[in-house]
Amino acid sequence: MFSQQVLDKHNEYRKKYCSQLLISSKNLNKISQDYADRLVTFVETPPNYIGIRIEKLYYQTLNYKLQGK
């Protein structure tokens, strides 16, 4: 599963720098996916929330699928 591969790779780097490992949260993943699905409805780039909150978004315009590993 892609999300597990991403988490494993991320934790590989966290371990290298003695940082606490992350765990997956089904609830947080669901909230994030729902938000991403909502953002995809915008015609242009996602709205800019600077000054309101900090969020990191990956935005692409091409029909390209991210691959795991």
PDB file of N, CA and C in Angstrom:
ATOM      1  N   MET A   1       0.844  -1.181   0.000  1.00  0.00           N
ATOM      2  CA  MET A   1       0.000   0.000   0.000  1.00  0.00           C
ATOM      3  C   MET A   1       0.892   1.247   0.000  1.00  0.00           C
ATOM      4  N   PHE A   2       0.525   2.203  -0.840  1.00  0.00           N
ATOM      5  CA  PHE A   2       1.339   3.404  -1.023  1.00  0.00           C
ATOM      6  C   PHE A   2       1.569   4.159   0.288  1.00  0.00           C
ATOM      7  N   SER A   3       0.496   4.386   1.050  1.00  0.00           N
ATOM      8  CA  SER A   3       0.642   5.172   2.278  1.00  0.00           C
ATOM      9  C   SER A   3       1.592   4.498   3.272  1.00  0.00           C
ATOM     10  N   GLN A   4       1.589   3.183   3.338  1.00  0.00           N
ATOM     11  CA  GLN A   4       2.508   2.464   4.231  1.00  0.00           C
ATOM     12  C   GLN A   4       3.940   2.585   3.729  1.00  0.00           C
ATOM     13  N   GLN A   5       4.137   2.546   2.422  1.00  0.00           N
ATOM     14  CA  GLN A   5       5.481   2.694   1.850  1.00  0.00           C
ATOM     15  C   GLN A   5       6.031   4.085   2.154  1.00  0.00           C
ATOM     16  N   VAL A   6       5.177   5.101   2.044  1.00  0.00           N
ATOM     17  CA  VAL A   6       5.601   6.475   2.344  1.00  0.00           C
ATOM     18  C   VAL A   6       5.968   6.592   3.822  1.00  0.00           C
ATOM     19  N   LEU A   7       5.136   6.043   4.689  1.00  0.00           N
ATOM     20  CA  LEU A   7       5.413   6.092   6.125  1.00  0.00           C
ATOM     21  C   LEU A   7       6.710   5.361   6.461  1.00  0.00           C
ATOM     22  N   ASP A   8       6.906   4.190   5.884  1.00  0.00           N
ATOM     23  CA  ASP A   8       8.133   3.421   6.141  1.00  0.00           C
ATOM     24  C   ASP A   8       9.371   4.194   5.708  1.00  0.00           C
ATOM     25  N   LYS A   9       9.330   4.816   4.531  1.00  0.00           N
ATOM     26  CA  LYS A   9      10.489   5.570   4.033  1.00  0.00           C
ATOM     27  C   LYS A   9      10.733   6.795   4.906  1.00  0.00           C
ATOM     28  N   HIS A  10       9.665   7.468   5.283  1.00  0.00           N
ATOM     29  CA  HIS A  10       9.801   8.644   6.144  1.00  0.00           C
ATOM     30  C   HIS A  10      10.435   8.252   7.478  1.00  0.00           C
ATOM     31  N   ASN A  11       9.954   7.156   8.064  1.00  0.00           N
ATOM     32  CA  ASN A  11      10.502   6.696   9.344  1.00  0.00           C
ATOM     33  C   ASN A  11      11.944   6.225   9.222  1.00  0.00           C
ATOM     34  N   GLU A  12      12.309   5.739   8.054  1.00  0.00           N
ATOM     35  CA  GLU A  12      13.704   5.348   7.819  1.00  0.00           C
ATOM     36  C   GLU A  12      14.629   6.553   8.044  1.00  0.00           C
ATOM     37  N   TYR A  13      14.233   7.708   7.540  1.00  0.00           N
ATOM     38  CA  TYR A  13      15.030   8.927   7.732  1.00  0.00           C
ATOM     39  C   TYR A  13      14.929   9.438   9.161  1.00  0.00           C
ATOM     40  N   ARG A  14      13.761   9.332   9.772  1.00  0.00           N
ATOM     41  CA  ARG A  14      13.615   9.775  11.159  1.00  0.00           C
ATOM     42  C   ARG A  14      14.511   8.946  12.084  1.00  0.00           C
ATOM     43  N   LYS A  15      14.569   7.648  11.822  1.00  0.00           N
ATOM     44  CA  LYS A  15      15.419   6.769  12.623  1.00  0.00           C
ATOM     45  C   LYS A  15      16.886   7.163  12.485  1.00  0.00           C
ATOM     46  N   LYS A  16      17.287   7.499  11.273  1.00  0.00           N
ATOM     47  CA  LYS A  16      18.675   7.906  10.991  1.00  0.00           C
ATOM     48  C   LYS A  16      19.075   9.111  11.849  1.00  0.00           C
ATOM     49  N   TYR A  17      18.123  10.004  12.113  1.00  0.00           N
ATOM     50  CA  TYR A  17      18.413  11.213  12.885  1.00  0.00           C
ATOM     51  C   TYR A  17      17.852  11.143  14.305  1.00  0.00           C
ATOM     52  N   CYS A  18      17.584   9.916  14.760  1.00  0.00           N
ATOM     53  CA  CYS A  18      17.133   9.661  16.134  1.00  0.00           C
ATOM     54  C   CYS A  18      15.864  10.432  16.503  1.00  0.00           C
ATOM     55  N   SER A  19      14.974  10.589  15.539  1.00  0.00           N
ATOM     56  CA  SER A  19      13.688  11.239  15.786  1.00  0.00           C
ATOM     57  C   SER A  19      12.636  10.167  16.074  1.00  0.00           C
ATOM     58  N   GLN A  20      11.629  10.555  16.814  1.00  0.00           N
ATOM     59  CA  GLN A  20      10.554   9.614  17.130  1.00  0.00           C
ATOM     60  C   GLN A  20       9.854   9.185  15.843  1.00  0.00           C
ATOM     61  N   LEU A  21       9.564   7.897  15.731  1.00  0.00           N
ATOM     62  CA  LEU A  21       8.911   7.385  14.531  1.00  0.00           C
ATOM     63  C   LEU A  21       7.442   7.776  14.515  1.00  0.00           C
ATOM     64  N   LEU A  22       6.915   7.946  13.315  1.00  0.00           N
ATOM     65  CA  LEU A  22       5.514   8.283  13.138  1.00  0.00           C
ATOM     66  C   LEU A  22       4.680   7.017  13.009  1.00  0.00           C
ATOM     67  N   ILE A  23       3.415   7.120  13.374  1.00  0.00           N
ATOM     68  CA  ILE A  23       2.492   6.003  13.181  1.00  0.00           C
ATOM     69  C   ILE A  23       1.325   6.506  12.328  1.00  0.00           C
ATOM     70  N   SER A  24       0.676   5.593  11.663  1.00  0.00           N
ATOM     71  CA  SER A  24      -0.437   5.953  10.802  1.00  0.00           C
ATOM     72  C   SER A  24      -1.713   6.093  11.628  1.00  0.00           C
ATOM     73  N   SER A  25      -2.550   7.029  11.220  1.00  0.00           N
ATOM     74  CA  SER A  25      -3.836   7.252  11.880  1.00  0.00           C
ATOM     75  C   SER A  25      -4.937   7.160  10.823  1.00  0.00           C
ATOM     76  N   LYS A  26      -5.807   6.165  10.926  1.00  0.00           N
ATOM     77  CA  LYS A  26      -6.900   6.024   9.957  1.00  0.00           C
ATOM     78  C   LYS A  26      -7.799   7.253   9.969  1.00  0.00           C
ATOM     79  N   ASN A  27      -8.062   7.790  11.150  1.00  0.00           N
ATOM     80  CA  ASN A  27      -8.918   8.967  11.267  1.00  0.00           C
ATOM     81  C   ASN A  27      -8.276  10.174  10.584  1.00  0.00           C
ATOM     82  N   LEU A  28      -7.007  10.431  10.851  1.00  0.00           N
ATOM     83  CA  LEU A  28      -6.316  11.557  10.231  1.00  0.00           C
ATOM     84  C   LEU A  28      -6.197  11.362   8.725  1.00  0.00           C
ATOM     85  N   ASN A  29      -5.939  10.126   8.289  1.00  0.00           N
ATOM     86  CA  ASN A  29      -5.878   9.852   6.851  1.00  0.00           C
ATOM     87  C   ASN A  29      -7.213  10.153   6.178  1.00  0.00           C
ATOM     88  N   LYS A  30      -8.318   9.809   6.833  1.00  0.00           N
ATOM     89  CA  LYS A  30      -9.652  10.053   6.285  1.00  0.00           C
ATOM     90  C   LYS A  30      -9.919  11.549   6.179  1.00  0.00           C
ATOM     91  N   ILE A  31      -9.596  12.284   7.226  1.00  0.00           N
ATOM     92  CA  ILE A  31      -9.770  13.740   7.221  1.00  0.00           C
ATOM     93  C   ILE A  31      -8.938  14.361   6.102  1.00  0.00           C
ATOM     94  N   SER A  32      -7.694  13.925   5.975  1.00  0.00           N
ATOM     95  CA  SER A  32      -6.791  14.455   4.948  1.00  0.00           C
ATOM     96  C   SER A  32      -7.291  14.137   3.544  1.00  0.00           C
ATOM     97  N   GLN A  33      -7.768  12.917   3.340  1.00  0.00           N
ATOM     98  CA  GLN A  33      -8.275  12.538   2.021  1.00  0.00           C
ATOM     99  C   GLN A  33      -9.532  13.327   1.668  1.00  0.00           C
ATOM    100  N   ASP A  34     -10.422  13.506   2.628  1.00  0.00           N
ATOM    101  CA  ASP A  34     -11.625  14.305   2.392  1.00  0.00           C
ATOM    102  C   ASP A  34     -11.261  15.738   2.006  1.00  0.00           C
ATOM    103  N   TYR A  35     -10.261  16.304   2.686  1.00  0.00           N
ATOM    104  CA  TYR A  35      -9.811  17.663   2.400  1.00  0.00           C
ATOM    105  C   TYR A  35      -9.182  17.723   1.002  1.00  0.00           C
ATOM    106  N   ALA A  36      -8.362  16.736   0.660  1.00  0.00           N
ATOM    107  CA  ALA A  36      -7.742  16.687  -0.664  1.00  0.00           C
ATOM    108  C   ALA A  36      -8.805  16.568  -1.752  1.00  0.00           C
ATOM    109  N   ASP A  37      -9.825  15.753  -1.505  1.00  0.00           N
ATOM    110  CA  ASP A  37     -10.913  15.610  -2.469  1.00  0.00           C
ATOM    111  C   ASP A  37     -11.653  16.931  -2.673  1.00  0.00           C
ATOM    112  N   ARG A  38     -11.777  17.703  -1.605  1.00  0.00           N
ATOM    113  CA  ARG A  38     -12.428  19.010  -1.702  1.00  0.00           C
ATOM    114  C   ARG A  38     -11.555  19.987  -2.482  1.00  0.00           C
ATOM    115  N   LEU A  39     -10.237  19.974  -2.224  1.00  0.00           N
ATOM    116  CA  LEU A  39      -9.331  20.881  -2.914  1.00  0.00           C
ATOM    117  C   LEU A  39      -9.282  20.626  -4.410  1.00  0.00           C
ATOM    118  N   VAL A  40      -9.463  19.372  -4.798  1.00  0.00           N
ATOM    119  CA  VAL A  40      -9.372  19.027  -6.215  1.00  0.00           C
ATOM    120  C   VAL A  40     -10.498  19.668  -7.030  1.00  0.00           C
ATOM    121  N   THR A  41     -11.535  20.143  -6.363  1.00  0.00           N
ATOM    122  CA  THR A  41     -12.648  20.775  -7.073  1.00  0.00           C
ATOM    123  C   THR A  41     -12.326  22.203  -7.500  1.00  0.00           C
ATOM    124  N   PHE A  42     -11.244  22.799  -6.981  1.00  0.00           N
ATOM    125  CA  PHE A  42     -10.863  24.145  -7.378  1.00  0.00           C
ATOM    126  C   PHE A  42     -10.304  24.122  -8.794  1.00  0.00           C
ATOM    127  N   VAL A  43     -10.695  25.076  -9.608  1.00  0.00           N
ATOM    128  CA  VAL A  43     -10.251  25.133 -10.999  1.00  0.00           C
ATOM    129  C   VAL A  43      -8.779  25.509 -11.085  1.00  0.00           C
ATOM    130  N   GLU A  44      -8.361  26.469 -10.294  1.00  0.00           N
ATOM    131  CA  GLU A  44      -6.970  26.924 -10.287  1.00  0.00           C
ATOM    132  C   GLU A  44      -6.226  26.240  -9.144  1.00  0.00           C
ATOM    133  N   THR A  45      -5.183  26.869  -8.672  1.00  0.00           N
ATOM    134  CA  THR A  45      -4.438  26.327  -7.536  1.00  0.00           C
ATOM    135  C   THR A  45      -5.301  26.407  -6.276  1.00  0.00           C
ATOM    136  N   PRO A  46      -5.001  25.588  -5.293  1.00  0.00           N
ATOM    137  CA  PRO A  46      -5.766  25.638  -4.037  1.00  0.00           C
ATOM    138  C   PRO A  46      -5.691  27.028  -3.406  1.00  0.00           C
ATOM    139  N   PRO A  47      -6.678  27.384  -2.586  1.00  0.00           N
ATOM    140  CA  PRO A  47      -6.671  28.706  -1.950  1.00  0.00           C
ATOM    141  C   PRO A  47      -5.459  28.889  -1.049  1.00  0.00           C
ATOM    142  N   ASN A  48      -5.037  30.107  -0.904  1.00  0.00           N
ATOM    143  CA  ASN A  48      -3.867  30.439  -0.098  1.00  0.00           C
ATOM    144  C   ASN A  48      -4.326  30.818   1.310  1.00  0.00           C
ATOM    145  N   TYR A  49      -3.873  30.078   2.294  1.00  0.00           N
ATOM    146  CA  TYR A  49      -4.279  30.310   3.684  1.00  0.00           C
ATOM    147  C   TYR A  49      -3.175  30.981   4.503  1.00  0.00           C
ATOM    148  N   ILE A  50      -2.242  31.659   3.859  1.00  0.00           N
ATOM    149  CA  ILE A  50      -1.140  32.297   4.596  1.00  0.00           C
ATOM    150  C   ILE A  50      -1.731  33.267   5.629  1.00  0.00           C
ATOM    151  N   GLY A  51      -1.229  33.176   6.825  1.00  0.00           N
ATOM    152  CA  GLY A  51      -1.693  34.028   7.905  1.00  0.00           C
ATOM    153  C   GLY A  51      -2.811  33.392   8.717  1.00  0.00           C
ATOM    154  N   ILE A  52      -3.478  32.410   8.166  1.00  0.00           N
ATOM    155  CA  ILE A  52      -4.551  31.752   8.891  1.00  0.00           C
ATOM    156  C   ILE A  52      -4.033  30.478   9.541  1.00  0.00           C
ATOM    157  N   ARG A  53      -3.332  29.680   8.756  1.00  0.00           N
ATOM    158  CA  ARG A  53      -2.762  28.445   9.273  1.00  0.00           C
ATOM    159  C   ARG A  53      -1.651  28.009   8.341  1.00  0.00           C
ATOM    160  N   ILE A  54      -0.864  27.083   8.796  1.00  0.00           N
ATOM    161  CA  ILE A  54       0.228  26.554   7.984  1.00  0.00           C
ATOM    162  C   ILE A  54      -0.188  25.181   7.493  1.00  0.00           C
ATOM    163  N   GLU A  55      -0.054  24.962   6.202  1.00  0.00           N
ATOM    164  CA  GLU A  55      -0.310  23.631   5.668  1.00  0.00           C
ATOM    165  C   GLU A  55       0.626  23.402   4.491  1.00  0.00           C
ATOM    166  N   LYS A  56       1.011  22.171   4.323  1.00  0.00           N
ATOM    167  CA  LYS A  56       1.881  21.802   3.222  1.00  0.00           C
ATOM    168  C   LYS A  56       1.059  20.988   2.244  1.00  0.00           C
ATOM    169  N   LEU A  57       0.996  21.472   1.018  1.00  0.00           N
ATOM    170  CA  LEU A  57       0.207  20.803  -0.006  1.00  0.00           C
ATOM    171  C   LEU A  57       1.106  20.428  -1.172  1.00  0.00           C
ATOM    172  N   TYR A  58       0.848  19.277  -1.746  1.00  0.00           N
ATOM    173  CA  TYR A  58       1.490  18.879  -2.991  1.00  0.00           C
ATOM    174  C   TYR A  58       0.459  19.120  -4.077  1.00  0.00           C
ATOM    175  N   TYR A  59       0.813  19.931  -5.061  1.00  0.00           N
ATOM    176  CA  TYR A  59      -0.132  20.270  -6.119  1.00  0.00           C
ATOM    177  C   TYR A  59       0.507  19.953  -7.453  1.00  0.00           C
ATOM    178  N   GLN A  60      -0.207  19.242  -8.303  1.00  0.00           N
ATOM    179  CA  GLN A  60       0.320  18.926  -9.627  1.00  0.00           C
ATOM    180  C   GLN A  60      -0.741  19.205 -10.674  1.00  0.00           C
ATOM    181  N   THR A  61      -0.277  19.568 -11.859  1.00  0.00           N
ATOM    182  CA  THR A  61      -1.211  19.882 -12.931  1.00  0.00           C
ATOM    183  C   THR A  61      -1.236  18.795 -13.995  1.00  0.00           C
ATOM    184  N   LEU A  62      -0.277  17.915 -13.989  1.00  0.00           N
ATOM    185  CA  LEU A  62      -0.225  16.854 -14.992  1.00  0.00           C
ATOM    186  C   LEU A  62      -0.909  15.594 -14.474  1.00  0.00           C
ATOM    187  N   ASN A  63      -1.315  14.742 -15.351  1.00  0.00           N
ATOM    188  CA  ASN A  63      -1.923  13.478 -14.970  1.00  0.00           C
ATOM    189  C   ASN A  63      -0.813  12.475 -14.666  1.00  0.00           C
ATOM    190  N   TYR A  64      -0.249  12.570 -13.487  1.00  0.00           N
ATOM    191  CA  TYR A  64       0.898  11.750 -13.084  1.00  0.00           C
ATOM    192  C   TYR A  64       0.593  11.106 -11.753  1.00  0.00           C
ATOM    193  N   LYS A  65       0.843   9.832 -11.648  1.00  0.00           N
ATOM    194  CA  LYS A  65       0.591   9.113 -10.392  1.00  0.00           C
ATOM    195  C   LYS A  65       1.909   8.958  -9.633  1.00  0.00           C
ATOM    196  N   LEU A  66       1.906   9.317  -8.361  1.00  0.00           N
ATOM    197  CA  LEU A  66       3.076   9.090  -7.526  1.00  0.00           C
ATOM    198  C   LEU A  66       3.215   7.603  -7.277  1.00  0.00           C
ATOM    199  N   GLN A  67       4.439   7.124  -7.283  1.00  0.00           N
ATOM    200  CA  GLN A  67       4.723   5.713  -7.084  1.00  0.00           C
ATOM    201  C   GLN A  67       5.341   5.498  -5.703  1.00  0.00           C
ATOM    202  N   GLY A  68       5.117   4.339  -5.127  1.00  0.00           N
ATOM    203  CA  GLY A  68       5.717   4.015  -3.835  1.00  0.00           C
ATOM    204  C   GLY A  68       7.163   3.567  -3.991  1.00  0.00           C
ATOM    205  N   LYS A  69       7.768   3.179  -2.906  1.00  0.00           N
ATOM    206  CA  LYS A  69       9.144   2.718  -2.813  1.00  0.00           C
ATOM    207  C   LYS A  69      10.060   3.742  -3.396  1.00  0.00           C
TER     208      LYS A  69
END
